[in-house]
């Protein structure tokens, strides 16, 4: 009779897998990436020569020249299309009068990249040091 009433203890299901070490490793990696990301320098390759910050005199604004680049690649200045040679002569004259002149270049979405590069090249050959390519955003 004693064999029929014997209580049996349930066997252990095996070792439990704990997620605590994995969570610890993930938190350490999170802290590591957060700390190192603050030291990223996105200005590692400067596009222009940095100016001396010790200058107390403000830079002259200069004239702003807006050049639109039409879809066919022809530069348009003051509503009139110009050839590349005429544009270079005009920019040389203006940069001679005002060395702080700034050129804003607004290319059409259909203009070729080569036309944009050609106008940028002409502007730099003409002595323009301040050149910006701008783009108009469409409103949603």
N, C-alpha and C. Protein backbone atom coordinates (compact mmCIF):
# COMPACT_ATOMS: atom_id res chain seq x y z
N UNK A 1 0.77 -1.19 0.00
CA UNK A 1 0.00 0.00 0.00
C UNK A 1 0.83 1.28 0.00
N UNK A 2 1.89 1.21 0.53
CA UNK A 2 2.73 2.40 0.58
C UNK A 2 3.22 2.79 -0.80
N UNK A 3 3.34 1.84 -1.68
CA UNK A 3 3.83 2.18 -3.01
C UNK A 3 2.79 2.93 -3.83
N UNK A 4 1.51 2.71 -3.53
CA UNK A 4 0.47 3.41 -4.28
C UNK A 4 0.31 4.86 -3.83
N UNK A 5 0.64 5.15 -2.60
CA UNK A 5 0.45 6.49 -2.09
C UNK A 5 1.72 7.33 -2.10
N UNK A 6 2.71 6.89 -2.75
CA UNK A 6 3.98 7.63 -2.74
C UNK A 6 3.84 8.92 -3.56
N UNK A 7 4.29 10.01 -3.00
CA UNK A 7 4.23 11.30 -3.68
C UNK A 7 5.49 11.46 -4.54
N UNK A 8 5.27 11.89 -5.72
CA UNK A 8 6.40 12.09 -6.62
C UNK A 8 6.60 13.60 -6.84
N UNK A 9 7.82 13.99 -6.73
CA UNK A 9 8.17 15.39 -6.93
C UNK A 9 8.31 15.63 -8.44
N UNK A 10 7.80 16.76 -8.93
CA UNK A 10 7.89 17.07 -10.36
C UNK A 10 9.34 17.37 -10.73
N UNK A 11 9.74 16.83 -11.87
CA UNK A 11 11.11 17.05 -12.30
C UNK A 11 11.29 18.48 -12.81
N UNK A 12 12.48 18.94 -12.60
CA UNK A 12 12.79 20.29 -13.06
C UNK A 12 12.78 20.32 -14.59
N UNK A 13 12.28 21.39 -15.17
CA UNK A 13 12.12 21.50 -16.63
C UNK A 13 13.44 21.74 -17.34
N UNK A 14 14.49 22.00 -16.69
CA UNK A 14 15.78 22.29 -17.31
C UNK A 14 16.22 23.69 -16.94
N UNK A 15 17.39 24.08 -17.39
CA UNK A 15 17.89 25.40 -17.01
C UNK A 15 17.06 26.51 -17.67
N UNK A 16 16.80 27.57 -16.91
CA UNK A 16 16.06 28.71 -17.42
C UNK A 16 17.02 29.65 -18.15
N UNK A 17 16.58 30.15 -19.26
CA UNK A 17 17.40 31.11 -20.02
C UNK A 17 17.00 32.50 -19.57
N UNK A 18 17.97 33.24 -19.08
CA UNK A 18 17.71 34.58 -18.57
C UNK A 18 18.04 35.61 -19.65
N UNK A 19 17.20 36.62 -19.76
CA UNK A 19 17.41 37.69 -20.72
C UNK A 19 18.20 38.85 -20.12
N UNK A 20 18.49 38.78 -18.83
CA UNK A 20 19.18 39.88 -18.17
C UNK A 20 20.56 40.15 -18.77
N UNK A 21 21.41 39.15 -19.05
CA UNK A 21 22.71 39.47 -19.66
C UNK A 21 22.59 40.12 -21.04
N UNK A 22 21.61 39.68 -21.82
CA UNK A 22 21.43 40.28 -23.14
C UNK A 22 20.99 41.74 -23.01
N UNK A 23 20.11 42.04 -22.07
CA UNK A 23 19.67 43.41 -21.85
C UNK A 23 20.84 44.26 -21.38
N UNK A 24 21.68 43.71 -20.52
CA UNK A 24 22.86 44.44 -20.05
C UNK A 24 23.78 44.80 -21.22
N UNK A 25 24.01 43.86 -22.10
CA UNK A 25 24.88 44.11 -23.25
C UNK A 25 24.26 45.17 -24.16
N UNK A 26 22.96 45.10 -24.37
CA UNK A 26 22.30 46.09 -25.22
C UNK A 26 22.38 47.49 -24.61
N UNK A 27 22.22 47.60 -23.31
CA UNK A 27 22.32 48.91 -22.67
C UNK A 27 23.75 49.46 -22.76
N UNK A 28 24.73 48.59 -22.62
CA UNK A 28 26.12 49.03 -22.75
C UNK A 28 26.38 49.52 -24.17
N UNK A 29 25.88 48.78 -25.17
CA UNK A 29 26.05 49.22 -26.56
C UNK A 29 25.32 50.54 -26.83
N UNK A 30 24.13 50.69 -26.26
CA UNK A 30 23.38 51.93 -26.43
C UNK A 30 24.15 53.11 -25.87
N UNK A 31 24.69 52.96 -24.67
CA UNK A 31 25.47 54.04 -24.06
C UNK A 31 26.72 54.31 -24.89
N UNK A 32 27.38 53.27 -25.37
CA UNK A 32 28.58 53.44 -26.19
C UNK A 32 28.28 54.25 -27.45
N UNK A 33 27.22 53.90 -28.17
CA UNK A 33 26.90 54.60 -29.40
C UNK A 33 26.41 56.02 -29.13
N UNK A 34 25.73 56.23 -28.02
CA UNK A 34 25.29 57.59 -27.70
C UNK A 34 26.50 58.48 -27.40
N UNK A 35 27.47 57.96 -26.68
CA UNK A 35 28.64 58.75 -26.32
C UNK A 35 29.50 59.03 -27.55
N UNK A 36 29.71 58.05 -28.40
CA UNK A 36 30.57 58.25 -29.56
C UNK A 36 29.90 59.10 -30.64
N UNK A 37 28.59 59.10 -30.70
CA UNK A 37 27.92 59.89 -31.74
C UNK A 37 28.04 61.38 -31.49
N UNK A 38 28.28 61.79 -30.27
CA UNK A 38 28.42 63.22 -30.01
C UNK A 38 29.75 63.75 -30.53
N UNK A 39 30.69 62.89 -30.84
CA UNK A 39 32.00 63.33 -31.31
C UNK A 39 32.13 63.28 -32.82
N UNK A 40 31.08 62.95 -33.53
CA UNK A 40 31.15 62.94 -34.98
C UNK A 40 31.26 64.37 -35.49
N UNK A 41 32.20 64.60 -36.37
CA UNK A 41 32.39 65.91 -36.95
C UNK A 41 31.97 65.84 -38.41
N UNK A 42 30.85 66.48 -38.72
CA UNK A 42 30.34 66.42 -40.08
C UNK A 42 31.04 67.40 -41.01
N UNK A 43 31.90 68.27 -40.47
CA UNK A 43 32.63 69.24 -41.27
C UNK A 43 34.07 68.81 -41.45
N UNK A 44 34.31 67.52 -41.62
CA UNK A 44 35.67 67.03 -41.75
C UNK A 44 36.31 67.47 -43.06
N UNK A 45 35.50 67.62 -44.11
CA UNK A 45 36.02 68.05 -45.41
C UNK A 45 35.41 69.42 -45.69
N UNK A 46 36.14 70.48 -45.40
CA UNK A 46 35.56 71.82 -45.60
C UNK A 46 35.40 72.14 -47.07
N UNK A 47 34.27 72.74 -47.42
CA UNK A 47 34.02 73.12 -48.80
C UNK A 47 34.68 74.46 -49.11
N UNK A 48 34.85 75.29 -48.11
CA UNK A 48 35.51 76.57 -48.28
C UNK A 48 36.55 76.73 -47.19
N UNK A 49 37.49 77.62 -47.41
CA UNK A 49 38.53 77.86 -46.42
C UNK A 49 37.91 78.60 -45.24
N UNK A 50 38.07 78.06 -44.02
CA UNK A 50 37.49 78.75 -42.86
C UNK A 50 38.16 80.10 -42.64
N UNK A 51 37.37 81.06 -42.22
CA UNK A 51 37.89 82.41 -41.99
C UNK A 51 38.40 82.52 -40.56
N UNK A 52 39.29 83.45 -40.38
CA UNK A 52 39.82 83.71 -39.04
C UNK A 52 38.70 84.29 -38.19
N UNK A 53 38.38 83.63 -37.11
CA UNK A 53 37.28 84.07 -36.25
C UNK A 53 37.68 85.25 -35.37
N UNK A 54 38.95 85.63 -35.36
CA UNK A 54 39.41 86.72 -34.51
C UNK A 54 39.13 88.08 -35.11
N UNK A 55 38.66 88.14 -36.36
CA UNK A 55 38.40 89.43 -36.98
C UNK A 55 37.22 90.12 -36.29
N UNK A 56 37.45 91.35 -35.88
CA UNK A 56 36.36 92.09 -35.24
C UNK A 56 35.51 92.81 -36.29
N UNK A 57 36.10 93.08 -37.45
CA UNK A 57 35.36 93.79 -38.49
C UNK A 57 34.43 92.85 -39.22
N UNK A 58 33.16 93.21 -39.39
CA UNK A 58 32.25 92.35 -40.14
C UNK A 58 32.58 92.34 -41.62
N UNK A 59 32.26 91.24 -42.27
CA UNK A 59 32.50 91.12 -43.70
C UNK A 59 31.49 91.97 -44.47
N UNK A 60 31.94 92.54 -45.58
CA UNK A 60 31.05 93.33 -46.42
C UNK A 60 30.05 92.41 -47.11
N UNK A 61 28.82 92.87 -47.21
CA UNK A 61 27.77 92.06 -47.80
C UNK A 61 27.97 91.90 -49.30
N UNK A 62 28.17 92.98 -49.99
CA UNK A 62 28.35 92.90 -51.43
C UNK A 62 27.04 92.74 -52.16
N UNK A 63 27.14 92.78 -53.47
CA UNK A 63 25.98 92.67 -54.34
C UNK A 63 25.58 91.20 -54.47
N UNK A 64 24.29 90.94 -54.61
CA UNK A 64 23.80 89.59 -54.84
C UNK A 64 23.32 89.49 -56.28
N UNK A 65 23.86 88.53 -57.00
CA UNK A 65 23.52 88.31 -58.41
C UNK A 65 22.79 86.99 -58.50
N UNK A 66 21.57 87.02 -59.02
CA UNK A 66 20.77 85.80 -59.18
C UNK A 66 20.83 85.36 -60.63
N UNK A 67 21.31 84.13 -60.84
CA UNK A 67 21.36 83.54 -62.18
C UNK A 67 20.43 82.33 -62.18
N UNK A 68 19.45 82.37 -63.05
CA UNK A 68 18.57 81.21 -63.24
C UNK A 68 19.12 80.37 -64.38
N UNK A 69 19.08 79.09 -64.21
CA UNK A 69 19.53 78.18 -65.26
C UNK A 69 18.29 77.54 -65.87
N UNK A 70 18.02 77.88 -67.11
CA UNK A 70 16.80 77.41 -67.78
C UNK A 70 16.89 75.91 -68.06
N UNK A 71 15.77 75.34 -68.46
CA UNK A 71 15.70 73.90 -68.72
C UNK A 71 16.64 73.48 -69.85
N UNK A 72 16.88 74.37 -70.79
CA UNK A 72 17.78 74.04 -71.90
C UNK A 72 19.24 74.31 -71.56
N UNK A 73 19.54 74.76 -70.34
CA UNK A 73 20.91 74.98 -69.91
C UNK A 73 21.43 76.38 -70.15
N UNK A 74 20.58 77.29 -70.59
CA UNK A 74 21.00 78.67 -70.87
C UNK A 74 20.86 79.48 -69.59
N UNK A 75 21.93 80.19 -69.17
CA UNK A 75 21.82 81.04 -67.98
C UNK A 75 21.01 82.30 -68.27
N UNK A 76 20.12 82.65 -67.34
CA UNK A 76 19.26 83.81 -67.48
C UNK A 76 19.58 84.78 -66.35
N UNK A 77 19.96 85.99 -66.70
CA UNK A 77 20.30 87.02 -65.73
C UNK A 77 19.46 88.25 -66.02
N UNK A 78 18.76 88.74 -65.02
CA UNK A 78 17.86 89.90 -65.15
C UNK A 78 16.82 89.68 -66.25
N UNK A 79 16.32 88.48 -66.38
CA UNK A 79 15.27 88.18 -67.34
C UNK A 79 15.75 87.98 -68.76
N UNK A 80 17.07 88.12 -69.01
CA UNK A 80 17.59 87.95 -70.37
C UNK A 80 18.55 86.78 -70.43
N UNK A 81 18.39 85.92 -71.42
CA UNK A 81 19.35 84.80 -71.56
C UNK A 81 20.70 85.32 -72.05
N UNK A 82 21.76 84.69 -71.57
CA UNK A 82 23.13 85.07 -71.95
C UNK A 82 23.88 83.82 -72.39
N UNK A 83 24.82 84.02 -73.30
CA UNK A 83 25.72 82.92 -73.66
C UNK A 83 26.72 82.77 -72.52
N UNK A 84 27.45 81.66 -72.52
CA UNK A 84 28.43 81.43 -71.46
C UNK A 84 29.55 82.46 -71.50
N UNK A 85 29.98 82.86 -72.70
CA UNK A 85 31.02 83.87 -72.83
C UNK A 85 30.56 85.23 -72.32
N UNK A 86 29.34 85.60 -72.67
CA UNK A 86 28.80 86.88 -72.22
C UNK A 86 28.61 86.88 -70.70
N UNK A 87 28.20 85.75 -70.16
CA UNK A 87 28.02 85.65 -68.71
C UNK A 87 29.37 85.80 -68.00
N UNK A 88 30.41 85.20 -68.56
CA UNK A 88 31.73 85.32 -67.95
C UNK A 88 32.23 86.77 -67.96
N UNK A 89 32.03 87.47 -69.07
CA UNK A 89 32.45 88.87 -69.14
C UNK A 89 31.66 89.72 -68.12
N UNK A 90 30.38 89.47 -68.01
CA UNK A 90 29.55 90.22 -67.09
C UNK A 90 29.95 89.96 -65.64
N UNK A 91 30.22 88.71 -65.31
CA UNK A 91 30.61 88.39 -63.93
C UNK A 91 32.00 88.93 -63.61
N UNK A 92 32.91 88.93 -64.60
CA UNK A 92 34.24 89.52 -64.37
C UNK A 92 34.12 91.01 -64.07
N UNK A 93 33.26 91.68 -64.81
CA UNK A 93 33.07 93.12 -64.59
C UNK A 93 32.48 93.38 -63.21
N UNK A 94 31.50 92.61 -62.83
CA UNK A 94 30.86 92.83 -61.52
C UNK A 94 31.76 92.45 -60.37
N UNK A 95 32.56 91.39 -60.52
CA UNK A 95 33.47 91.02 -59.43
C UNK A 95 34.62 92.01 -59.33
N UNK A 96 34.97 92.68 -60.45
CA UNK A 96 35.98 93.73 -60.40
C UNK A 96 35.48 94.96 -59.65
N UNK A 97 34.21 95.27 -59.82
CA UNK A 97 33.63 96.42 -59.12
C UNK A 97 33.35 96.11 -57.65
N UNK A 98 32.91 94.88 -57.38
CA UNK A 98 32.54 94.50 -56.02
C UNK A 98 33.11 93.12 -55.72
N UNK A 99 34.29 93.05 -55.07
CA UNK A 99 34.91 91.74 -54.79
C UNK A 99 34.09 90.87 -53.84
N UNK A 100 33.18 91.47 -53.08
CA UNK A 100 32.36 90.70 -52.14
C UNK A 100 31.04 90.28 -52.76
N UNK A 101 30.94 90.35 -54.09
CA UNK A 101 29.69 89.98 -54.75
C UNK A 101 29.38 88.50 -54.53
N UNK A 102 28.12 88.22 -54.38
CA UNK A 102 27.65 86.85 -54.15
C UNK A 102 26.76 86.44 -55.33
N UNK A 103 26.96 85.20 -55.81
CA UNK A 103 26.15 84.67 -56.90
C UNK A 103 25.25 83.58 -56.35
N UNK A 104 23.96 83.73 -56.59
CA UNK A 104 22.98 82.70 -56.26
C UNK A 104 22.59 82.04 -57.58
N UNK A 105 22.75 80.75 -57.66
CA UNK A 105 22.47 80.00 -58.89
C UNK A 105 21.23 79.13 -58.66
N UNK A 106 20.19 79.40 -59.43
CA UNK A 106 18.92 78.68 -59.30
C UNK A 106 18.71 77.83 -60.55
N UNK A 107 19.06 76.54 -60.50
CA UNK A 107 18.87 75.70 -61.69
C UNK A 107 17.44 75.20 -61.80
N UNK A 108 17.01 75.05 -63.02
CA UNK A 108 15.72 74.42 -63.29
C UNK A 108 15.85 72.93 -63.01
N UNK A 109 14.74 72.30 -62.65
CA UNK A 109 14.78 70.86 -62.40
C UNK A 109 15.11 70.07 -63.65
N UNK A 110 14.87 70.65 -64.82
CA UNK A 110 15.13 69.94 -66.07
C UNK A 110 16.51 70.25 -66.65
N UNK A 111 17.24 71.17 -66.03
CA UNK A 111 18.57 71.54 -66.55
C UNK A 111 19.55 70.39 -66.29
N UNK A 112 20.49 70.23 -67.20
CA UNK A 112 21.47 69.16 -67.05
C UNK A 112 22.51 69.53 -66.01
N UNK A 113 23.12 68.53 -65.44
CA UNK A 113 24.16 68.75 -64.45
C UNK A 113 25.37 69.41 -65.09
N UNK A 114 25.66 69.06 -66.33
CA UNK A 114 26.81 69.68 -67.02
C UNK A 114 26.61 71.18 -67.18
N UNK A 115 25.39 71.61 -67.47
CA UNK A 115 25.12 73.04 -67.60
C UNK A 115 25.33 73.75 -66.26
N UNK A 116 24.92 73.12 -65.18
CA UNK A 116 25.13 73.69 -63.85
C UNK A 116 26.62 73.81 -63.54
N UNK A 117 27.38 72.75 -63.82
CA UNK A 117 28.81 72.77 -63.56
C UNK A 117 29.50 73.82 -64.42
N UNK A 118 29.07 73.98 -65.67
CA UNK A 118 29.67 74.99 -66.56
C UNK A 118 29.48 76.40 -66.01
N UNK A 119 28.28 76.70 -65.52
CA UNK A 119 28.02 78.04 -64.98
C UNK A 119 28.80 78.24 -63.68
N UNK A 120 28.90 77.21 -62.85
CA UNK A 120 29.70 77.31 -61.63
C UNK A 120 31.17 77.55 -61.96
N UNK A 121 31.66 76.86 -62.97
CA UNK A 121 33.05 77.02 -63.39
C UNK A 121 33.30 78.44 -63.91
N UNK A 122 32.38 78.97 -64.68
CA UNK A 122 32.51 80.34 -65.20
C UNK A 122 32.52 81.33 -64.05
N UNK A 123 31.67 81.12 -63.05
CA UNK A 123 31.62 82.05 -61.92
C UNK A 123 32.93 82.04 -61.14
N UNK A 124 33.51 80.88 -60.93
CA UNK A 124 34.77 80.83 -60.18
C UNK A 124 35.93 81.39 -61.01
N UNK A 125 35.92 81.16 -62.31
CA UNK A 125 36.96 81.74 -63.17
C UNK A 125 36.85 83.26 -63.22
N UNK A 126 35.65 83.77 -63.02
CA UNK A 126 35.43 85.22 -63.08
C UNK A 126 35.85 85.92 -61.80
N UNK A 127 36.24 85.18 -60.80
CA UNK A 127 36.68 85.79 -59.55
C UNK A 127 35.63 85.82 -58.46
N UNK A 128 34.50 85.17 -58.69
CA UNK A 128 33.45 85.11 -57.67
C UNK A 128 33.87 84.10 -56.61
N UNK A 129 33.91 84.54 -55.36
CA UNK A 129 34.30 83.66 -54.27
C UNK A 129 33.10 83.16 -53.48
N UNK A 130 31.99 83.84 -53.59
CA UNK A 130 30.78 83.45 -52.85
C UNK A 130 29.73 82.99 -53.85
N UNK A 131 29.59 81.68 -53.96
CA UNK A 131 28.67 81.08 -54.92
C UNK A 131 27.79 80.09 -54.18
N UNK A 132 26.51 80.19 -54.39
CA UNK A 132 25.57 79.25 -53.76
C UNK A 132 24.61 78.73 -54.81
N UNK A 133 24.35 77.44 -54.72
CA UNK A 133 23.33 76.82 -55.56
C UNK A 133 22.10 76.66 -54.69
N UNK A 134 20.99 77.22 -55.13
CA UNK A 134 19.76 77.16 -54.34
C UNK A 134 18.72 76.36 -55.08
N UNK A 135 17.75 75.88 -54.32
CA UNK A 135 16.67 75.08 -54.91
C UNK A 135 15.38 75.50 -54.26
N UNK A 136 14.37 75.69 -55.05
CA UNK A 136 13.06 76.04 -54.51
C UNK A 136 12.31 74.75 -54.19
N UNK A 137 11.72 74.71 -53.03
CA UNK A 137 10.95 73.55 -52.59
C UNK A 137 9.50 73.73 -52.98
N UNK A 138 8.89 72.67 -53.43
CA UNK A 138 7.46 72.72 -53.75
C UNK A 138 6.67 72.57 -52.45
N UNK A 139 5.64 73.39 -52.31
CA UNK A 139 4.81 73.30 -51.10
C UNK A 139 3.81 72.17 -51.25
N UNK A 140 3.61 71.43 -50.17
CA UNK A 140 2.65 70.30 -50.26
C UNK A 140 1.22 70.76 -50.27
